[in-house]
């Protein structure tokens, strides 16, 4: 199948310009990524096309390939094809919808998953290291729509300047709604969106669900 790289989402669709996961069997002969801070249209003996156009690849393995889809795609159905030298092509039809967000999560060995979130100093938030009142945190996802300036697909974007998502995003934390600030190409990973949220009010320590 083809889905949001963050995991399953309510709609099952993916957003233009977002990162996707392609799931299957025997997709590649090895597990590889492109060189640091780069993307590639082919890794080892694998490349992927979407309606005949080459996608930028972030990761390949036998059971999963991660790639970025094009930001100019309109809502609708598209055909994605995995090509592997010496093997039959494998194709799948999937649906693109303008805003199809997904949040990345941590999956601890024990306990429930929590959203991938960090303090401003870069340390990771966990059940044992929770956010506190009036702290600004960053959460990460993909599929939140397009920015107010064009991005070049398949390339990392400089983390300078002011970037704004075209459509408003709201973050709800335990019933309280926040308007986050967004960052382009968070942590220089193509397709990844960072949302900065200042968690105000009294927050008792412990695990909190963020949606």
Protein backbone atom coordinates (compact mmCIF):
# COMPACT_ATOMS: atom_id res chain seq x y z
CA UNK A 1 0.00 0.00 0.00
CA UNK A 2 0.85 3.71 -0.09
CA UNK A 3 0.25 5.90 2.96
CA UNK A 4 1.42 8.92 4.95
CA UNK A 5 4.99 8.30 6.13
CA UNK A 6 3.91 9.07 9.71
CA UNK A 7 1.58 6.06 9.69
CA UNK A 8 -2.12 5.35 9.30
CA UNK A 9 -4.40 8.41 9.14
CA UNK A 10 -8.21 8.71 9.31
CA UNK A 11 -8.60 9.48 5.59
CA UNK A 12 -5.97 7.09 4.24
CA UNK A 13 -4.98 9.76 1.70
CA UNK A 14 -1.65 11.56 1.26
CA UNK A 15 -0.98 15.25 0.76
CA UNK A 16 0.94 16.86 -2.13
CA UNK A 17 4.59 17.48 -1.29
CA UNK A 18 4.48 15.09 1.67
CA UNK A 19 6.55 12.07 2.57
CA UNK A 20 4.98 8.69 1.91
CA UNK A 21 5.65 5.07 2.80
CA UNK A 22 5.30 2.32 0.20
CA UNK A 23 4.72 -1.05 1.86
CA UNK A 24 5.09 -4.48 0.29
CA UNK A 25 7.34 -7.49 -0.10
CA UNK A 26 10.67 -7.86 -1.93
CA UNK A 27 10.71 -4.16 -2.78
CA UNK A 28 14.52 -4.00 -2.57
CA UNK A 29 17.49 -6.31 -2.09
CA UNK A 30 19.01 -4.24 0.73
CA UNK A 31 18.29 -1.54 3.30
CA UNK A 32 19.81 1.77 2.26
CA UNK A 33 19.43 5.54 2.42
CA UNK A 34 20.93 8.20 0.14
CA UNK A 35 24.03 10.12 1.29
CA UNK A 36 23.52 12.45 4.26
CA UNK A 37 21.50 15.61 3.45
CA UNK A 38 20.76 14.34 -0.06
CA UNK A 39 17.93 12.60 -1.88
CA UNK A 40 18.20 10.25 -4.83
CA UNK A 41 15.94 9.18 -7.67
CA UNK A 42 17.49 5.71 -7.54
CA UNK A 43 19.06 3.76 -4.67
CA UNK A 44 20.83 0.48 -5.40
CA UNK A 45 18.67 -1.19 -8.08
CA UNK A 46 15.39 0.53 -7.13
CA UNK A 47 13.56 3.57 -8.47
CA UNK A 48 9.93 4.70 -8.16
CA UNK A 49 7.71 6.56 -10.60
CA UNK A 50 4.39 8.32 -10.14
CA UNK A 51 2.45 8.56 -13.38
CA UNK A 52 5.80 8.18 -15.14
CA UNK A 53 7.70 10.83 -13.09
CA UNK A 54 10.66 9.85 -10.91
CA UNK A 55 10.17 10.33 -7.17
CA UNK A 56 12.87 11.40 -4.73
CA UNK A 57 13.72 8.49 -2.42
CA UNK A 58 14.58 8.77 1.28
CA UNK A 59 14.89 5.09 2.21
CA UNK A 60 14.58 1.60 0.73
CA UNK A 61 14.24 -1.85 2.25
CA UNK A 62 12.65 -5.16 1.35
CA UNK A 63 9.32 -4.21 2.96
CA UNK A 64 9.24 -0.40 2.86
CA UNK A 65 10.29 2.50 0.66
CA UNK A 66 9.99 6.12 1.79
CA UNK A 67 9.73 8.87 -0.82
CA UNK A 68 8.46 12.40 -1.35
CA UNK A 69 5.57 12.96 -3.73
CA UNK A 70 5.26 16.02 -5.92
CA UNK A 71 3.85 19.26 -4.53
CA UNK A 72 2.02 20.11 -7.77
CA UNK A 73 -0.38 17.15 -7.57
CA UNK A 74 -4.08 17.96 -7.63
CA UNK A 75 -6.67 15.97 -5.67
CA UNK A 76 -7.34 12.63 -7.30
CA UNK A 77 -6.07 9.11 -7.90
CA UNK A 78 -2.55 8.36 -9.12
CA UNK A 79 -0.56 5.27 -10.07
CA UNK A 80 2.75 4.65 -8.30
CA UNK A 81 5.15 2.02 -9.63
CA UNK A 82 8.18 0.45 -7.94
CA UNK A 83 10.87 -0.60 -10.42
CA UNK A 84 13.60 -3.08 -9.46
CA UNK A 85 16.20 -4.36 -11.87
CA UNK A 86 15.49 -7.92 -12.94
CA UNK A 87 12.09 -8.02 -11.20
CA UNK A 88 8.55 -7.31 -12.42
CA UNK A 89 7.23 -3.80 -11.76
CA UNK A 90 4.79 -3.40 -8.87
CA UNK A 91 2.07 -0.75 -9.17
CA UNK A 92 -0.51 0.68 -6.78
CA UNK A 93 -3.25 3.29 -7.16
CA UNK A 94 -3.54 5.75 -4.27
CA UNK A 95 -5.41 8.97 -3.53
CA UNK A 96 -4.00 12.47 -3.08
CA UNK A 97 -5.97 14.99 -1.05
CA UNK A 98 -4.83 18.56 -0.38
CA UNK A 99 -4.57 18.36 3.42
CA UNK A 100 -3.81 14.86 4.71
CA UNK A 101 -1.78 15.40 7.89
CA UNK A 102 -0.08 12.78 9.99
CA UNK A 103 2.04 13.13 13.14
CA UNK A 104 5.13 11.03 13.72
CA UNK A 105 5.15 9.05 16.96
CA UNK A 106 7.56 7.27 19.29
CA UNK A 107 6.82 3.62 20.00
CA UNK A 108 8.42 2.67 23.33
CA UNK A 109 9.17 -0.93 24.24
CA UNK A 110 6.48 -0.64 26.90
CA UNK A 111 3.50 1.69 27.06
CA UNK A 112 1.49 3.60 24.47
CA UNK A 113 3.02 5.58 21.59
CA UNK A 114 3.45 9.34 22.03
CA UNK A 115 3.79 12.10 19.46
CA UNK A 116 7.36 12.87 18.32
CA UNK A 117 8.05 16.12 20.17
CA UNK A 118 11.13 18.03 21.30
CA UNK A 119 12.10 20.86 23.61
CA UNK A 120 13.82 23.94 22.22
CA UNK A 121 17.17 22.53 23.37
CA UNK A 122 16.60 19.50 21.14
CA UNK A 123 15.86 16.97 23.89
CA UNK A 124 13.05 14.52 23.26
CA UNK A 125 9.80 14.63 25.22
CA UNK A 126 8.72 11.33 26.72
CA UNK A 127 6.42 10.11 29.49
CA UNK A 128 9.39 10.39 31.84
CA UNK A 129 10.48 13.75 30.44
CA UNK A 130 7.17 15.61 29.81
CA UNK A 131 6.49 19.17 28.73
CA UNK A 132 5.81 21.73 31.46
CA UNK A 133 3.57 24.80 31.60
CA UNK A 134 4.55 27.72 29.33
CA UNK A 135 7.13 25.63 27.50
CA UNK A 136 7.52 25.81 23.71
CA UNK A 137 7.72 22.42 22.06
CA UNK A 138 8.08 21.24 18.47
CA UNK A 139 6.06 18.38 17.00
CA UNK A 140 6.67 16.85 13.59
CA UNK A 141 4.50 15.54 10.81
CA UNK A 142 3.91 15.55 7.07
CA UNK A 143 0.96 16.19 4.76
CA UNK A 144 -0.09 19.58 6.16
CA UNK A 145 -0.45 21.20 2.75
CA UNK A 146 1.62 23.70 0.81
CA UNK A 147 3.62 26.76 1.87
CA UNK A 148 3.08 30.34 0.75
CA UNK A 149 6.19 30.07 -1.42
CA UNK A 150 7.16 27.25 -3.76
CA UNK A 151 9.47 24.45 -2.63
CA UNK A 152 11.71 22.49 -4.97
CA UNK A 153 10.64 18.86 -4.76
CA UNK A 154 13.38 16.39 -3.95
CA UNK A 155 15.74 18.91 -2.35
CA UNK A 156 16.30 19.94 1.24
CA UNK A 157 15.12 23.49 1.91
CA UNK A 158 17.16 26.14 3.76
CA UNK A 159 15.77 26.67 7.26
CA UNK A 160 15.92 30.46 6.93
CA UNK A 161 13.26 33.06 6.19
CA UNK A 162 9.57 33.18 7.06
CA UNK A 163 7.47 30.27 5.89
CA UNK A 164 3.75 29.84 6.37
CA UNK A 165 1.39 27.03 5.49
CA UNK A 166 -1.36 28.19 3.15
CA UNK A 167 -4.08 26.60 5.26
CA UNK A 168 -4.36 27.18 9.00
CA UNK A 169 -3.36 24.42 11.41
CA UNK A 170 -4.67 24.00 14.95
CA UNK A 171 -3.16 21.79 17.65
CA UNK A 172 -5.37 20.47 20.43
CA UNK A 173 -3.77 19.47 23.73
CA UNK A 174 -6.14 17.99 26.31
CA UNK A 175 -9.08 20.05 25.09
CA UNK A 176 -7.16 23.31 24.69
CA UNK A 177 -6.58 24.58 21.15
CA UNK A 178 -3.35 26.27 20.06
CA UNK A 179 -2.32 28.03 16.87
CA UNK A 180 1.22 26.82 16.17
CA UNK A 181 4.02 28.43 14.25
CA UNK A 182 5.25 26.27 11.41
CA UNK A 183 8.76 25.68 10.11
CA UNK A 184 9.74 24.66 6.57
CA UNK A 185 11.42 21.36 5.88
CA UNK A 186 11.95 20.79 9.60
CA UNK A 187 15.42 19.66 10.60
CA UNK A 188 16.30 19.78 6.88
CA UNK A 189 14.30 16.65 6.08
CA UNK A 190 12.35 17.05 2.86
CA UNK A 191 8.57 16.92 3.30
CA UNK A 192 8.71 17.15 7.09
CA UNK A 193 6.77 19.94 8.82
CA UNK A 194 7.63 21.23 12.29
CA UNK A 195 4.91 22.84 14.41
CA UNK A 196 6.06 24.98 17.35
CA UNK A 197 3.51 25.17 20.18
CA UNK A 198 3.73 27.09 23.44
CA UNK A 199 1.86 24.98 25.98
CA UNK A 200 0.27 27.51 28.32
CA UNK A 201 -1.71 27.10 31.52
CA UNK A 202 -1.20 24.70 34.42
CA UNK A 203 -0.15 21.27 33.23
CA UNK A 204 0.34 18.52 35.80
CA UNK A 205 3.31 16.27 34.95
CA UNK A 206 2.62 13.08 33.02
CA UNK A 207 1.67 11.74 29.62
CA UNK A 208 -0.59 13.93 27.49
CA UNK A 209 -2.23 13.09 24.21
CA UNK A 210 -1.75 15.56 21.35
CA UNK A 211 -3.82 15.42 18.17
